[in-house]
Each structure stands twice: as structure tokens, then as C-alpha cells.
N, C-alpha and C. Protein backbone atom coordinates (compact mmCIF):
# COMPACT_ATOMS: atom_id res chain seq x y z
N MET A 1 109.38 116.69 120.44
CA MET A 1 109.43 116.75 119.00
C MET A 1 108.15 117.44 118.51
N ASN A 2 108.31 118.28 117.50
CA ASN A 2 107.12 118.90 116.93
C ASN A 2 106.76 118.26 115.60
N LYS A 3 105.65 118.67 115.05
CA LYS A 3 105.12 118.07 113.83
C LYS A 3 106.11 118.14 112.67
N ASP A 4 106.73 119.29 112.46
CA ASP A 4 107.65 119.44 111.33
C ASP A 4 108.88 118.54 111.46
N ILE A 5 109.40 118.43 112.67
CA ILE A 5 110.56 117.57 112.89
C ILE A 5 110.17 116.11 112.63
N PHE A 6 109.01 115.70 113.12
CA PHE A 6 108.53 114.35 112.90
C PHE A 6 108.38 114.07 111.41
N LEU A 7 107.73 114.97 110.70
CA LEU A 7 107.52 114.78 109.26
C LEU A 7 108.84 114.75 108.51
N ASP A 8 109.76 115.62 108.88
CA ASP A 8 111.09 115.61 108.26
C ASP A 8 111.78 114.27 108.46
N GLU A 9 111.64 113.73 109.66
CA GLU A 9 112.27 112.44 109.96
C GLU A 9 111.67 111.33 109.09
N VAL A 10 110.36 111.29 109.01
CA VAL A 10 109.71 110.26 108.19
C VAL A 10 110.14 110.41 106.73
N ILE A 11 110.07 111.61 106.22
CA ILE A 11 110.36 111.85 104.80
C ILE A 11 111.83 111.55 104.49
N SER A 12 112.71 111.79 105.44
CA SER A 12 114.13 111.49 105.20
C SER A 12 114.37 110.00 105.01
N LEU A 13 113.45 109.18 105.48
CA LEU A 13 113.58 107.72 105.37
C LEU A 13 112.92 107.16 104.11
N ILE A 14 112.21 108.00 103.37
CA ILE A 14 111.56 107.56 102.13
C ILE A 14 112.59 107.60 101.02
N LYS A 15 112.74 106.49 100.34
CA LYS A 15 113.75 106.39 99.28
C LYS A 15 113.28 106.97 97.96
N ASP A 16 112.02 106.80 97.66
CA ASP A 16 111.47 107.22 96.37
C ASP A 16 111.13 108.71 96.42
N LYS A 17 111.95 109.51 95.77
CA LYS A 17 111.77 110.96 95.80
C LYS A 17 110.45 111.41 95.17
N SER A 18 109.94 110.60 94.25
CA SER A 18 108.74 111.01 93.53
C SER A 18 107.48 111.01 94.40
N VAL A 19 107.51 110.34 95.55
CA VAL A 19 106.33 110.27 96.41
C VAL A 19 106.49 111.03 97.72
N LYS A 20 107.64 111.62 97.95
CA LYS A 20 107.90 112.29 99.23
C LYS A 20 106.89 113.38 99.54
N ARG A 21 106.59 114.22 98.58
CA ARG A 21 105.67 115.35 98.81
C ARG A 21 104.27 114.83 99.13
N ARG A 22 103.83 113.83 98.38
CA ARG A 22 102.49 113.25 98.59
C ARG A 22 102.38 112.62 99.98
N ILE A 23 103.42 111.88 100.38
CA ILE A 23 103.42 111.24 101.68
C ILE A 23 103.42 112.27 102.80
N ARG A 24 104.25 113.29 102.66
CA ARG A 24 104.31 114.33 103.70
C ARG A 24 102.94 114.99 103.88
N LYS A 25 102.28 115.31 102.77
CA LYS A 25 100.97 115.96 102.84
C LYS A 25 99.95 115.04 103.49
N GLU A 26 99.96 113.78 103.13
CA GLU A 26 99.03 112.82 103.70
C GLU A 26 99.22 112.69 105.21
N LEU A 27 100.47 112.56 105.64
CA LEU A 27 100.77 112.44 107.07
C LEU A 27 100.43 113.72 107.81
N GLU A 28 100.75 114.85 107.21
CA GLU A 28 100.45 116.13 107.85
C GLU A 28 98.94 116.29 108.06
N ASP A 29 98.16 115.87 107.08
CA ASP A 29 96.70 115.94 107.22
C ASP A 29 96.22 115.07 108.37
N HIS A 30 96.78 113.87 108.49
CA HIS A 30 96.39 112.98 109.59
C HIS A 30 96.75 113.60 110.94
N ILE A 31 97.95 114.14 111.03
CA ILE A 31 98.40 114.75 112.29
C ILE A 31 97.51 115.95 112.63
N ASP A 32 97.24 116.80 111.65
CA ASP A 32 96.41 117.97 111.89
C ASP A 32 95.00 117.58 112.35
N ASP A 33 94.46 116.51 111.76
CA ASP A 33 93.15 116.03 112.20
C ASP A 33 93.19 115.58 113.66
N ARG A 34 94.24 114.89 114.03
CA ARG A 34 94.37 114.42 115.42
C ARG A 34 94.59 115.58 116.38
N ILE A 35 95.38 116.56 115.96
CA ILE A 35 95.59 117.74 116.80
C ILE A 35 94.25 118.43 117.03
N GLU A 36 93.48 118.60 115.98
CA GLU A 36 92.17 119.24 116.10
C GLU A 36 91.26 118.47 117.05
N TYR A 37 91.30 117.15 116.97
CA TYR A 37 90.51 116.31 117.87
C TYR A 37 90.88 116.58 119.32
N TYR A 38 92.19 116.60 119.60
CA TYR A 38 92.64 116.83 120.98
C TYR A 38 92.34 118.25 121.44
N LEU A 39 92.44 119.22 120.56
CA LEU A 39 92.08 120.59 120.92
C LEU A 39 90.60 120.68 121.26
N ASP A 40 89.78 120.03 120.44
CA ASP A 40 88.34 120.02 120.70
C ASP A 40 88.00 119.29 122.00
N SER A 41 88.89 118.39 122.41
CA SER A 41 88.69 117.63 123.65
C SER A 41 89.18 118.40 124.88
N GLY A 42 89.72 119.60 124.65
CA GLY A 42 90.10 120.46 125.76
C GLY A 42 91.59 120.53 126.06
N TYR A 43 92.41 119.86 125.28
CA TYR A 43 93.86 119.92 125.52
C TYR A 43 94.42 121.22 124.96
N ASP A 44 95.51 121.69 125.58
CA ASP A 44 96.18 122.86 125.04
C ASP A 44 96.94 122.44 123.78
N GLU A 45 97.39 123.42 123.00
CA GLU A 45 98.00 123.16 121.70
C GLU A 45 99.25 122.26 121.80
N GLU A 46 100.11 122.54 122.75
CA GLU A 46 101.33 121.74 122.91
C GLU A 46 101.01 120.28 123.23
N THR A 47 100.09 120.07 124.14
CA THR A 47 99.71 118.71 124.52
C THR A 47 99.00 118.01 123.37
N ALA A 48 98.15 118.73 122.67
CA ALA A 48 97.44 118.15 121.53
C ALA A 48 98.41 117.67 120.46
N GLU A 49 99.41 118.48 120.17
CA GLU A 49 100.41 118.09 119.17
C GLU A 49 101.22 116.88 119.65
N ARG A 50 101.62 116.90 120.90
CA ARG A 50 102.39 115.79 121.45
C ARG A 50 101.60 114.49 121.39
N LYS A 51 100.35 114.55 121.80
CA LYS A 51 99.51 113.35 121.80
C LYS A 51 99.27 112.85 120.37
N ALA A 52 99.06 113.77 119.45
CA ALA A 52 98.84 113.38 118.05
C ALA A 52 100.08 112.67 117.49
N LEU A 53 101.25 113.19 117.80
CA LEU A 53 102.48 112.57 117.30
C LEU A 53 102.72 111.21 117.95
N GLU A 54 102.39 111.10 119.22
CA GLU A 54 102.53 109.81 119.89
C GLU A 54 101.64 108.76 119.23
N ARG A 55 100.45 109.17 118.84
CA ARG A 55 99.51 108.25 118.18
C ARG A 55 99.98 107.83 116.79
N MET A 56 100.80 108.65 116.16
CA MET A 56 101.29 108.31 114.82
C MET A 56 102.21 107.10 114.87
N GLY A 57 103.01 106.99 115.91
CA GLY A 57 103.89 105.85 116.03
C GLY A 57 105.32 106.13 115.61
N ASN A 58 106.02 105.07 115.27
CA ASN A 58 107.44 105.11 114.95
C ASN A 58 107.68 105.63 113.53
N ALA A 59 108.56 106.62 113.40
CA ALA A 59 108.82 107.24 112.10
C ALA A 59 109.34 106.24 111.08
N LYS A 60 110.22 105.35 111.50
CA LYS A 60 110.80 104.37 110.56
C LYS A 60 109.72 103.43 110.04
N GLU A 61 108.88 102.94 110.92
CA GLU A 61 107.81 102.03 110.50
C GLU A 61 106.82 102.73 109.57
N ILE A 62 106.51 103.97 109.88
CA ILE A 62 105.60 104.74 109.04
C ILE A 62 106.21 104.92 107.65
N ALA A 63 107.48 105.27 107.61
CA ALA A 63 108.16 105.47 106.32
C ALA A 63 108.13 104.20 105.49
N GLU A 64 108.40 103.07 106.11
CA GLU A 64 108.39 101.79 105.39
C GLU A 64 106.99 101.48 104.86
N ASP A 65 105.99 101.66 105.70
CA ASP A 65 104.62 101.38 105.28
C ASP A 65 104.17 102.32 104.17
N MET A 66 104.48 103.59 104.30
CA MET A 66 104.06 104.56 103.30
C MET A 66 104.79 104.33 101.98
N GLN A 67 106.04 103.97 102.03
CA GLN A 67 106.81 103.68 100.83
C GLN A 67 106.15 102.51 100.08
N LYS A 68 105.80 101.46 100.79
CA LYS A 68 105.15 100.30 100.17
C LYS A 68 103.81 100.69 99.57
N LEU A 69 103.03 101.43 100.34
CA LEU A 69 101.71 101.84 99.89
C LEU A 69 101.79 102.68 98.62
N HIS A 70 102.67 103.65 98.61
CA HIS A 70 102.75 104.58 97.49
C HIS A 70 103.50 104.00 96.29
N ASN A 71 104.23 102.93 96.49
CA ASN A 71 104.87 102.26 95.37
C ASN A 71 103.94 101.25 94.71
N ASN A 72 102.83 100.99 95.35
CA ASN A 72 101.84 100.09 94.80
C ASN A 72 101.30 100.68 93.51
N LYS A 73 101.09 99.85 92.51
CA LYS A 73 100.63 100.36 91.21
C LYS A 73 99.29 101.08 91.28
N TYR A 74 98.51 100.83 92.34
CA TYR A 74 97.23 101.50 92.52
C TYR A 74 97.41 103.01 92.56
N TRP A 75 98.50 103.47 93.16
CA TRP A 75 98.74 104.90 93.33
C TRP A 75 99.34 105.55 92.09
N ASN A 76 99.93 104.79 91.23
CA ASN A 76 100.66 105.36 90.06
C ASN A 76 99.74 105.63 88.90
């Protein structure tokens, strides 16, 4: 699985359309930071992306957590 497929999967599970773009950007930034870390550690690009996505965890759980977080009045 690559980054875009993973992000698409997470976003497809978000019910609130008003926060989908914000959540995708936030997750993409986290993934990119992790990819950069692995690249700096000497991994090739494919392995760095794979490892970064593995560290992100389960798409369904992430979607549920992000939905709760972004529905919190703090974010609105």
C-alpha cells in the first residue's frame, strides 16, 4: 500500500465531510515526517514509505480517532 491509498482509505471512513481535507493534510504531514526520518536513517524510498505507513497503524482506528478529535469543539 502506498501513502495515497492509505490516506484515501482513512478519509473514506470519515463521516464528517467538513473535516476530511484537514484530516488528510494532518495525516499526510505525519507520514511525510516519518518517511523523511527513515530516509535520513538510510532506508530507500519504498522501504521508508512502507515503514512509515506501518507505524501509522490501522486506518479504521485512525479515522475514528481523528473524527472524534476534529469534532471536538476545540477545533471548531
